[in-house]
Amino acid sequence: MLICRNMDLDPVKKKFLLAMRGITSTVTVISAKVGENKQAMTATSAVSLSLDPPTMLVCINHEALIHDVMKEEVGFCINILSVGQESLADICSIKGKEGQRFLEGNWSELDDIPYNKDSQSNMFCNCIKAIECTTHTIYLGEIIEVFNQSSFNPLLYKDGNYLA
């Protein structure tokens, strides 16, 4: 039986954030476009969900501008960043700099989905499901195409810093 108590969750949130800082994550930039509205944002919350069919899971905060672009049946790209793409990761994570994000790096489009050509890998997805959960939406994307560079040296993030 679950007993609800009037407790301050602040200590739990602080411990949760500290625990999350100890996880090393690959840095990605999620990009999508609907009409002329093209958006990109840095995320470490892109993970593999399934191999059959190849499916990824991405979590986006409701306040992010890309949230208005991401919808079921809309394509998006998970750009896995390489070491040396810290400036792209930075610009895509600063609120108020959304208009400058596609000026950094080498961008192109595949079937109206924007992607960064300098990234280690680009996973093009068709959004098959959007699940609302608290402050975020979880998007499930079935992989429709993947581009990989010849070598792999992903940009990693841990404890608030990029790892060399």
N, C-alpha and C. Protein backbone atom coordinates (compact mmCIF):
# COMPACT_ATOMS: atom_id res chain seq x y z
N MET A 1 0.84 -1.16 0.00
CA MET A 1 0.00 0.00 0.00
C MET A 1 0.90 1.24 0.00
N LEU A 2 0.56 2.21 -0.86
CA LEU A 2 1.29 3.47 -0.94
C LEU A 2 0.68 4.46 0.01
N ILE A 3 1.51 5.00 0.90
CA ILE A 3 1.03 6.00 1.85
C ILE A 3 1.61 7.34 1.44
N CYS A 4 0.74 8.30 1.21
CA CYS A 4 1.18 9.64 0.84
C CYS A 4 1.38 10.46 2.10
N ARG A 5 2.54 11.08 2.19
CA ARG A 5 2.84 11.94 3.33
C ARG A 5 3.13 13.33 2.82
N ASN A 6 2.87 14.30 3.64
CA ASN A 6 3.20 15.67 3.30
C ASN A 6 4.70 15.84 3.52
N MET A 7 5.49 15.65 2.47
CA MET A 7 6.94 15.73 2.60
C MET A 7 7.51 16.69 1.58
N ASP A 8 8.61 17.27 1.94
CA ASP A 8 9.30 18.19 1.05
C ASP A 8 10.09 17.36 0.04
N LEU A 9 9.77 17.50 -1.24
CA LEU A 9 10.47 16.75 -2.27
C LEU A 9 11.78 17.40 -2.68
N ASP A 10 12.04 18.61 -2.21
CA ASP A 10 13.25 19.31 -2.59
C ASP A 10 14.51 18.48 -2.35
N PRO A 11 14.69 17.83 -1.19
CA PRO A 11 15.90 17.00 -1.01
C PRO A 11 15.98 15.86 -2.01
N VAL A 12 14.85 15.28 -2.38
CA VAL A 12 14.84 14.20 -3.36
C VAL A 12 15.28 14.74 -4.72
N LYS A 13 14.77 15.90 -5.12
CA LYS A 13 15.16 16.50 -6.40
C LYS A 13 16.65 16.79 -6.43
N LYS A 14 17.17 17.31 -5.32
CA LYS A 14 18.61 17.61 -5.26
C LYS A 14 19.44 16.34 -5.40
N LYS A 15 19.03 15.28 -4.72
CA LYS A 15 19.75 14.00 -4.81
C LYS A 15 19.64 13.41 -6.22
N PHE A 16 18.46 13.56 -6.82
CA PHE A 16 18.25 13.08 -8.18
C PHE A 16 19.19 13.80 -9.15
N LEU A 17 19.26 15.13 -9.05
CA LEU A 17 20.15 15.89 -9.93
C LEU A 17 21.60 15.48 -9.73
N LEU A 18 22.01 15.27 -8.49
CA LEU A 18 23.38 14.84 -8.22
C LEU A 18 23.64 13.46 -8.84
N ALA A 19 22.70 12.56 -8.71
CA ALA A 19 22.85 11.23 -9.32
C ALA A 19 22.95 11.33 -10.84
N MET A 20 22.13 12.18 -11.45
CA MET A 20 22.14 12.34 -12.90
C MET A 20 23.46 12.93 -13.39
N ARG A 21 24.09 13.79 -12.59
CA ARG A 21 25.38 14.39 -12.97
C ARG A 21 26.47 13.32 -13.06
N GLY A 22 26.27 12.18 -12.41
CA GLY A 22 27.25 11.10 -12.45
C GLY A 22 27.11 10.19 -13.65
N ILE A 23 26.10 10.42 -14.47
CA ILE A 23 25.89 9.59 -15.67
C ILE A 23 26.57 10.26 -16.86
N THR A 24 27.42 9.52 -17.55
CA THR A 24 28.03 10.03 -18.77
C THR A 24 27.07 9.77 -19.93
N SER A 25 26.80 10.81 -20.72
CA SER A 25 25.83 10.71 -21.83
C SER A 25 26.46 11.19 -23.13
N THR A 26 26.03 10.60 -24.21
CA THR A 26 26.39 11.08 -25.53
C THR A 26 25.55 12.31 -25.84
N VAL A 27 26.18 13.35 -26.37
CA VAL A 27 25.47 14.59 -26.68
C VAL A 27 24.87 14.49 -28.08
N THR A 28 23.60 14.82 -28.16
CA THR A 28 22.90 14.83 -29.45
C THR A 28 22.23 16.19 -29.66
N VAL A 29 21.94 16.49 -30.90
CA VAL A 29 21.10 17.63 -31.24
C VAL A 29 19.91 17.06 -32.01
N ILE A 30 18.73 17.32 -31.49
CA ILE A 30 17.49 16.90 -32.15
C ILE A 30 17.07 18.03 -33.08
N SER A 31 16.75 17.69 -34.33
CA SER A 31 16.34 18.71 -35.30
C SER A 31 15.07 18.26 -36.02
N ALA A 32 14.21 19.23 -36.29
CA ALA A 32 12.94 18.95 -36.96
C ALA A 32 12.44 20.21 -37.64
N LYS A 33 11.50 20.00 -38.55
CA LYS A 33 10.97 21.13 -39.32
C LYS A 33 9.53 20.83 -39.72
N VAL A 34 8.68 21.84 -39.57
CA VAL A 34 7.31 21.78 -40.08
C VAL A 34 7.09 23.09 -40.82
N GLY A 35 6.85 23.00 -42.11
CA GLY A 35 6.73 24.21 -42.93
C GLY A 35 8.04 24.96 -42.89
N GLU A 36 8.00 26.23 -42.52
CA GLU A 36 9.21 27.03 -42.42
C GLU A 36 9.75 27.07 -40.98
N ASN A 37 9.06 26.43 -40.07
CA ASN A 37 9.49 26.41 -38.66
C ASN A 37 10.51 25.29 -38.47
N LYS A 38 11.78 25.67 -38.44
CA LYS A 38 12.88 24.72 -38.30
C LYS A 38 13.51 24.94 -36.93
N GLN A 39 13.65 23.85 -36.14
CA GLN A 39 14.16 23.95 -34.78
C GLN A 39 15.22 22.88 -34.52
N ALA A 40 16.09 23.18 -33.56
CA ALA A 40 17.10 22.21 -33.11
C ALA A 40 17.37 22.47 -31.64
N MET A 41 17.65 21.40 -30.90
CA MET A 41 18.00 21.54 -29.49
C MET A 41 18.92 20.43 -29.04
N THR A 42 19.81 20.77 -28.11
CA THR A 42 20.73 19.80 -27.55
C THR A 42 19.98 18.90 -26.58
N ALA A 43 20.31 17.62 -26.61
CA ALA A 43 19.67 16.66 -25.70
C ALA A 43 20.63 15.53 -25.36
N THR A 44 20.56 15.08 -24.13
CA THR A 44 21.26 13.86 -23.75
C THR A 44 20.25 12.76 -23.47
N SER A 45 18.99 13.05 -23.74
CA SER A 45 17.90 12.11 -23.45
C SER A 45 17.42 11.39 -24.71
N ALA A 46 18.34 11.03 -25.58
CA ALA A 46 18.00 10.25 -26.76
C ALA A 46 18.62 8.86 -26.58
N VAL A 47 17.77 7.84 -26.54
CA VAL A 47 18.25 6.49 -26.28
C VAL A 47 17.59 5.48 -27.21
N SER A 48 18.29 4.39 -27.41
CA SER A 48 17.76 3.29 -28.21
C SER A 48 16.61 2.62 -27.47
N LEU A 49 15.55 2.32 -28.19
CA LEU A 49 14.40 1.64 -27.60
C LEU A 49 14.28 0.21 -28.12
N SER A 50 14.50 0.02 -29.44
CA SER A 50 14.27 -1.29 -30.02
C SER A 50 15.10 -1.46 -31.29
N LEU A 51 15.49 -2.68 -31.57
CA LEU A 51 16.17 -2.98 -32.82
C LEU A 51 15.19 -3.48 -33.88
N ASP A 52 14.05 -4.02 -33.45
CA ASP A 52 13.11 -4.61 -34.39
C ASP A 52 11.70 -4.09 -34.14
N PRO A 53 11.27 -3.03 -34.81
CA PRO A 53 12.03 -2.23 -35.76
C PRO A 53 12.96 -1.26 -35.04
N PRO A 54 14.00 -0.77 -35.72
CA PRO A 54 14.89 0.21 -35.09
C PRO A 54 14.10 1.44 -34.64
N THR A 55 14.14 1.71 -33.34
CA THR A 55 13.33 2.78 -32.75
C THR A 55 14.14 3.49 -31.67
N MET A 56 14.03 4.82 -31.65
CA MET A 56 14.67 5.64 -30.65
C MET A 56 13.62 6.33 -29.80
N LEU A 57 14.04 6.75 -28.61
CA LEU A 57 13.19 7.48 -27.68
C LEU A 57 13.88 8.80 -27.38
N VAL A 58 13.13 9.91 -27.47
CA VAL A 58 13.66 11.25 -27.21
C VAL A 58 12.70 11.96 -26.27
N CYS A 59 13.24 12.64 -25.25
CA CYS A 59 12.42 13.40 -24.30
C CYS A 59 12.64 14.89 -24.51
N ILE A 60 11.55 15.64 -24.65
CA ILE A 60 11.63 17.08 -24.92
C ILE A 60 10.75 17.83 -23.92
N ASN A 61 11.31 18.85 -23.30
CA ASN A 61 10.58 19.70 -22.36
C ASN A 61 9.50 20.48 -23.12
N HIS A 62 8.34 20.63 -22.50
CA HIS A 62 7.23 21.35 -23.12
C HIS A 62 7.59 22.80 -23.45
N GLU A 63 8.54 23.39 -22.73
CA GLU A 63 8.92 24.78 -22.94
C GLU A 63 9.88 24.98 -24.12
N ALA A 64 10.48 23.93 -24.61
CA ALA A 64 11.41 24.05 -25.74
C ALA A 64 10.64 24.37 -27.02
N LEU A 65 11.17 25.27 -27.84
CA LEU A 65 10.48 25.64 -29.08
C LEU A 65 10.30 24.46 -30.03
N ILE A 66 11.23 23.50 -29.99
CA ILE A 66 11.11 22.33 -30.87
C ILE A 66 9.89 21.49 -30.50
N HIS A 67 9.43 21.63 -29.27
CA HIS A 67 8.25 20.87 -28.84
C HIS A 67 7.04 21.18 -29.72
N ASP A 68 6.94 22.42 -30.21
CA ASP A 68 5.82 22.80 -31.08
C ASP A 68 5.94 22.21 -32.48
N VAL A 69 7.14 21.74 -32.83
CA VAL A 69 7.38 21.17 -34.16
C VAL A 69 7.20 19.65 -34.15
N MET A 70 7.60 19.03 -33.06
CA MET A 70 7.56 17.57 -32.95
C MET A 70 6.12 17.10 -32.80
N LYS A 71 5.72 16.22 -33.68
CA LYS A 71 4.38 15.66 -33.65
C LYS A 71 4.42 14.26 -34.26
N GLU A 72 3.41 13.47 -33.95
CA GLU A 72 3.31 12.16 -34.58
C GLU A 72 3.22 12.33 -36.09
N GLU A 73 3.87 11.44 -36.80
CA GLU A 73 3.94 11.41 -38.27
C GLU A 73 4.85 12.50 -38.84
N VAL A 74 5.57 13.23 -38.01
CA VAL A 74 6.53 14.23 -38.48
C VAL A 74 7.92 13.66 -38.30
N GLY A 75 8.78 13.90 -39.28
CA GLY A 75 10.15 13.41 -39.20
C GLY A 75 11.03 14.29 -38.34
N PHE A 76 12.03 13.68 -37.72
CA PHE A 76 13.03 14.42 -36.97
C PHE A 76 14.36 13.67 -37.09
N CYS A 77 15.43 14.35 -36.72
CA CYS A 77 16.76 13.74 -36.80
C CYS A 77 17.45 13.83 -35.45
N ILE A 78 18.08 12.74 -35.08
CA ILE A 78 18.95 12.70 -33.91
C ILE A 78 20.37 12.77 -34.45
N ASN A 79 21.01 13.92 -34.24
CA ASN A 79 22.38 14.14 -34.69
C ASN A 79 23.30 13.80 -33.52
N ILE A 80 24.09 12.74 -33.65
CA ILE A 80 25.02 12.36 -32.59
C ILE A 80 26.30 13.16 -32.82
N LEU A 81 26.61 14.04 -31.87
CA LEU A 81 27.73 14.96 -32.06
C LEU A 81 29.07 14.28 -31.83
N SER A 82 30.07 14.78 -32.55
CA SER A 82 31.45 14.32 -32.43
C SER A 82 32.22 15.28 -31.53
N VAL A 83 33.34 14.80 -30.98
CA VAL A 83 34.26 15.70 -30.28
C VAL A 83 34.60 16.82 -31.24
N GLY A 84 34.62 18.04 -30.77
CA GLY A 84 34.86 19.21 -31.60
C GLY A 84 33.59 19.95 -31.96
N GLN A 85 32.43 19.39 -31.65
CA GLN A 85 31.16 20.06 -31.94
C GLN A 85 30.54 20.69 -30.69
N GLU A 86 31.39 21.06 -29.74
CA GLU A 86 30.91 21.67 -28.51
C GLU A 86 30.16 22.97 -28.77
N SER A 87 30.61 23.76 -29.74
CA SER A 87 29.94 25.04 -30.02
C SER A 87 28.53 24.81 -30.55
N LEU A 88 28.32 23.75 -31.33
CA LEU A 88 26.97 23.43 -31.80
C LEU A 88 26.11 22.99 -30.62
N ALA A 89 26.66 22.16 -29.75
CA ALA A 89 25.92 21.73 -28.56
C ALA A 89 25.54 22.93 -27.71
N ASP A 90 26.48 23.86 -27.54
CA ASP A 90 26.22 25.05 -26.73
C ASP A 90 25.13 25.93 -27.32
N ILE A 91 25.23 26.27 -28.59
CA ILE A 91 24.26 27.19 -29.20
C ILE A 91 22.86 26.57 -29.22
N CYS A 92 22.80 25.24 -29.34
CA CYS A 92 21.50 24.56 -29.38
C CYS A 92 20.91 24.33 -27.99
N SER A 93 21.62 24.77 -26.96
CA SER A 93 21.10 24.59 -25.61
C SER A 93 20.76 25.91 -24.92
N ILE A 94 21.02 27.04 -25.59
CA ILE A 94 20.79 28.34 -24.96
C ILE A 94 19.45 28.92 -25.42
N LYS A 95 18.55 29.10 -24.45
CA LYS A 95 17.25 29.71 -24.75
C LYS A 95 17.48 31.14 -25.24
N GLY A 96 16.79 31.51 -26.30
CA GLY A 96 16.96 32.83 -26.89
C GLY A 96 17.91 32.83 -28.08
N LYS A 97 18.64 31.73 -28.30
CA LYS A 97 19.57 31.62 -29.43
C LYS A 97 19.02 30.71 -30.53
N GLU A 98 17.73 30.42 -30.47
CA GLU A 98 17.14 29.48 -31.44
C GLU A 98 17.38 29.91 -32.88
N GLY A 99 17.34 31.21 -33.15
CA GLY A 99 17.52 31.72 -34.50
C GLY A 99 18.94 31.57 -35.03
N GLN A 100 19.90 31.28 -34.17
CA GLN A 100 21.30 31.16 -34.58
C GLN A 100 21.75 29.70 -34.73
N ARG A 101 20.92 28.77 -34.35
CA ARG A 101 21.33 27.37 -34.29
C ARG A 101 21.72 26.78 -35.64
N PHE A 102 21.06 27.17 -36.69
CA PHE A 102 21.37 26.60 -38.01
C PHE A 102 22.47 27.38 -38.73
N LEU A 103 23.05 28.37 -38.05
CA LEU A 103 24.21 29.10 -38.58
C LEU A 103 25.51 28.44 -38.15
N GLU A 104 25.45 27.55 -37.17
CA GLU A 104 26.62 26.85 -36.63
C GLU A 104 26.73 25.48 -37.29
N GLY A 105 27.85 25.21 -37.92
CA GLY A 105 28.06 23.89 -38.53
C GLY A 105 27.51 23.81 -39.94
N ASN A 106 27.51 22.61 -40.45
CA ASN A 106 27.17 22.31 -41.83
C ASN A 106 25.81 21.61 -41.88
N TRP A 107 24.74 22.36 -42.14
CA TRP A 107 23.39 21.81 -42.13
C TRP A 107 22.89 21.52 -43.54
N SER A 108 22.09 20.49 -43.65
CA SER A 108 21.44 20.14 -44.90
C SER A 108 20.05 19.59 -44.55
N GLU A 109 19.34 19.09 -45.55
CA GLU A 109 18.04 18.47 -45.32
C GLU A 109 17.91 17.19 -46.13
N LEU A 110 17.24 16.23 -45.55
CA LEU A 110 16.88 14.99 -46.22
C LEU A 110 15.38 14.82 -46.05
N ASP A 111 14.65 14.80 -47.15
CA ASP A 111 13.19 14.68 -47.09
C ASP A 111 12.57 15.69 -46.11
N ASP A 112 13.05 16.92 -46.16
CA ASP A 112 12.55 18.03 -45.34
C ASP A 112 12.91 17.91 -43.86
N ILE A 113 13.84 17.02 -43.52
CA ILE A 113 14.31 16.89 -42.15
C ILE A 113 15.71 17.49 -42.08
N PRO A 114 15.91 18.55 -41.28
CA PRO A 114 17.24 19.14 -41.17
C PRO A 114 18.19 18.22 -40.40
N TYR A 115 19.46 18.19 -40.85
CA TYR A 115 20.47 17.40 -40.15
C TYR A 115 21.83 18.07 -40.28
N ASN A 116 22.70 17.80 -39.33
CA ASN A 116 24.03 18.38 -39.30
C ASN A 116 25.01 17.40 -39.93
N LYS A 117 25.57 17.77 -41.07
CA LYS A 117 26.44 16.88 -41.84
C LYS A 117 27.78 16.59 -41.15
N ASP A 118 28.18 17.43 -40.19
CA ASP A 118 29.45 17.23 -39.50
C ASP A 118 29.34 16.25 -38.34
N SER A 119 28.15 15.84 -37.99
CA SER A 119 27.96 14.97 -36.84
C SER A 119 28.47 13.56 -37.11
N GLN A 120 28.76 12.85 -36.03
CA GLN A 120 29.25 11.48 -36.13
C GLN A 120 28.23 10.58 -36.82
N SER A 121 26.97 10.74 -36.44
CA SER A 121 25.88 9.97 -37.02
C SER A 121 24.63 10.83 -37.07
N ASN A 122 23.77 10.51 -38.03
CA ASN A 122 22.46 11.15 -38.15
C ASN A 122 21.44 10.03 -38.25
N MET A 123 20.50 10.02 -37.31
CA MET A 123 19.44 9.02 -37.34
C MET A 123 18.13 9.73 -37.66
N PHE A 124 17.61 9.45 -38.83
CA PHE A 124 16.36 10.07 -39.28
C PHE A 124 15.20 9.20 -38.81
N CYS A 125 14.24 9.85 -38.18
CA CYS A 125 13.13 9.13 -37.56
C CYS A 125 11.79 9.64 -38.05
N ASN A 126 10.82 8.76 -38.06
CA ASN A 126 9.42 9.14 -38.23
C ASN A 126 8.79 9.00 -36.85
N CYS A 127 8.23 10.08 -36.33
CA CYS A 127 7.62 10.03 -35.00
C CYS A 127 6.36 9.16 -35.06
N ILE A 128 6.40 8.05 -34.34
CA ILE A 128 5.27 7.12 -34.36
C ILE A 128 4.36 7.26 -33.14
N LYS A 129 4.88 7.92 -32.08
CA LYS A 129 4.06 8.10 -30.89
C LYS A 129 4.64 9.23 -30.05
N ALA A 130 3.74 10.02 -29.45
CA ALA A 130 4.11 11.08 -28.51
C ALA A 130 3.36 10.81 -27.21
N ILE A 131 4.11 10.74 -26.11
CA ILE A 131 3.53 10.41 -24.81
C ILE A 131 3.82 11.56 -23.85
N GLU A 132 2.76 12.20 -23.35
CA GLU A 132 2.91 13.29 -22.39
C GLU A 132 3.26 12.70 -21.03
N CYS A 133 4.26 13.30 -20.37
CA CYS A 133 4.64 12.84 -19.03
C CYS A 133 5.23 14.01 -18.25
N THR A 134 4.50 14.51 -17.31
CA THR A 134 4.87 15.65 -16.46
C THR A 134 5.31 16.84 -17.32
N THR A 135 6.56 17.29 -17.19
CA THR A 135 7.03 18.49 -17.89
C THR A 135 7.55 18.20 -19.30
N HIS A 136 7.57 16.93 -19.70
CA HIS A 136 8.17 16.53 -20.97
C HIS A 136 7.18 15.71 -21.82
N THR A 137 7.53 15.60 -23.09
CA THR A 137 6.87 14.65 -23.98
C THR A 137 7.92 13.66 -24.42
N ILE A 138 7.57 12.39 -24.39
CA ILE A 138 8.44 11.32 -24.86
C ILE A 138 8.03 11.01 -26.30
N TYR A 139 8.97 11.14 -27.21
CA TYR A 139 8.70 10.87 -28.62
C TYR A 139 9.37 9.56 -29.01
N LEU A 140 8.61 8.68 -29.64
CA LEU A 140 9.15 7.44 -30.16
C LEU A 140 9.34 7.61 -31.66
N GLY A 141 10.56 7.40 -32.12
CA GLY A 141 10.85 7.58 -33.54
C GLY A 141 11.37 6.31 -34.18
N GLU A 142 10.64 5.85 -35.20
CA GLU A 142 11.10 4.69 -35.96
C GLU A 142 12.16 5.17 -36.96
N ILE A 143 13.30 4.52 -36.96
CA ILE A 143 14.42 4.91 -37.82
C ILE A 143 14.07 4.62 -39.28
N ILE A 144 14.25 5.64 -40.14
CA ILE A 144 13.99 5.46 -41.56
C ILE A 144 15.27 5.55 -42.39
N GLU A 145 16.34 6.14 -41.79
CA GLU A 145 17.64 6.24 -42.48
C GLU A 145 18.70 6.59 -41.45
N VAL A 146 19.93 6.15 -41.68
CA VAL A 146 21.05 6.47 -40.81
C VAL A 146 22.26 6.81 -41.66
N PHE A 147 22.93 7.91 -41.34
CA PHE A 147 24.23 8.25 -41.93
C PHE A 147 25.27 8.14 -40.83
N ASN A 148 26.39 7.47 -41.11
CA ASN A 148 27.49 7.35 -40.16
C ASN A 148 28.78 7.84 -40.80
N GLN A 149 29.60 8.54 -40.01
CA GLN A 149 30.95 8.89 -40.46
C GLN A 149 31.81 7.64 -40.41
N SER A 150 32.99 7.70 -40.98
CA SER A 150 33.86 6.53 -41.02
C SER A 150 34.53 6.23 -39.68
N SER A 151 34.62 7.22 -38.80
CA SER A 151 35.19 6.98 -37.47
C SER A 151 34.25 7.52 -36.40
N PHE A 152 34.37 6.96 -35.20
CA PHE A 152 33.48 7.33 -34.11
C PHE A 152 34.27 7.90 -32.95
N ASN A 153 33.95 9.14 -32.58
CA ASN A 153 34.54 9.81 -31.43
C ASN A 153 33.47 10.75 -30.88
N PRO A 154 32.47 10.18 -30.17
CA PRO A 154 31.32 10.98 -29.76
C PRO A 154 31.66 12.01 -28.69
N LEU A 155 30.94 13.11 -28.73
CA LEU A 155 31.02 14.13 -27.70
C LEU A 155 30.25 13.61 -26.49
N LEU A 156 30.92 13.58 -25.34
CA LEU A 156 30.32 13.05 -24.11
C LEU A 156 30.14 14.17 -23.10
N TYR A 157 29.17 13.98 -22.20
CA TYR A 157 28.83 15.00 -21.21
C TYR A 157 28.65 14.32 -19.86
N LYS A 158 29.30 14.88 -18.83
CA LYS A 158 29.16 14.35 -17.47
C LYS A 158 29.46 15.46 -16.48
N ASP A 159 28.69 15.52 -15.42
CA ASP A 159 28.90 16.46 -14.33
C ASP A 159 28.99 17.91 -14.81
N GLY A 160 28.14 18.25 -15.80
CA GLY A 160 28.07 19.62 -16.28
C GLY A 160 29.16 20.03 -17.24
N ASN A 161 29.95 19.06 -17.73
CA ASN A 161 31.07 19.38 -18.62
C ASN A 161 31.18 18.38 -19.76
N TYR A 162 31.75 18.85 -20.87
CA TYR A 162 32.09 17.94 -21.95
C TYR A 162 33.37 17.21 -21.58
N LEU A 163 33.46 15.94 -21.97
CA LEU A 163 34.64 15.14 -21.68
C LEU A 163 35.54 15.11 -22.91
N ALA A 164 36.84 15.21 -22.68
CA ALA A 164 37.81 15.18 -23.79
C ALA A 164 38.22 13.76 -24.10
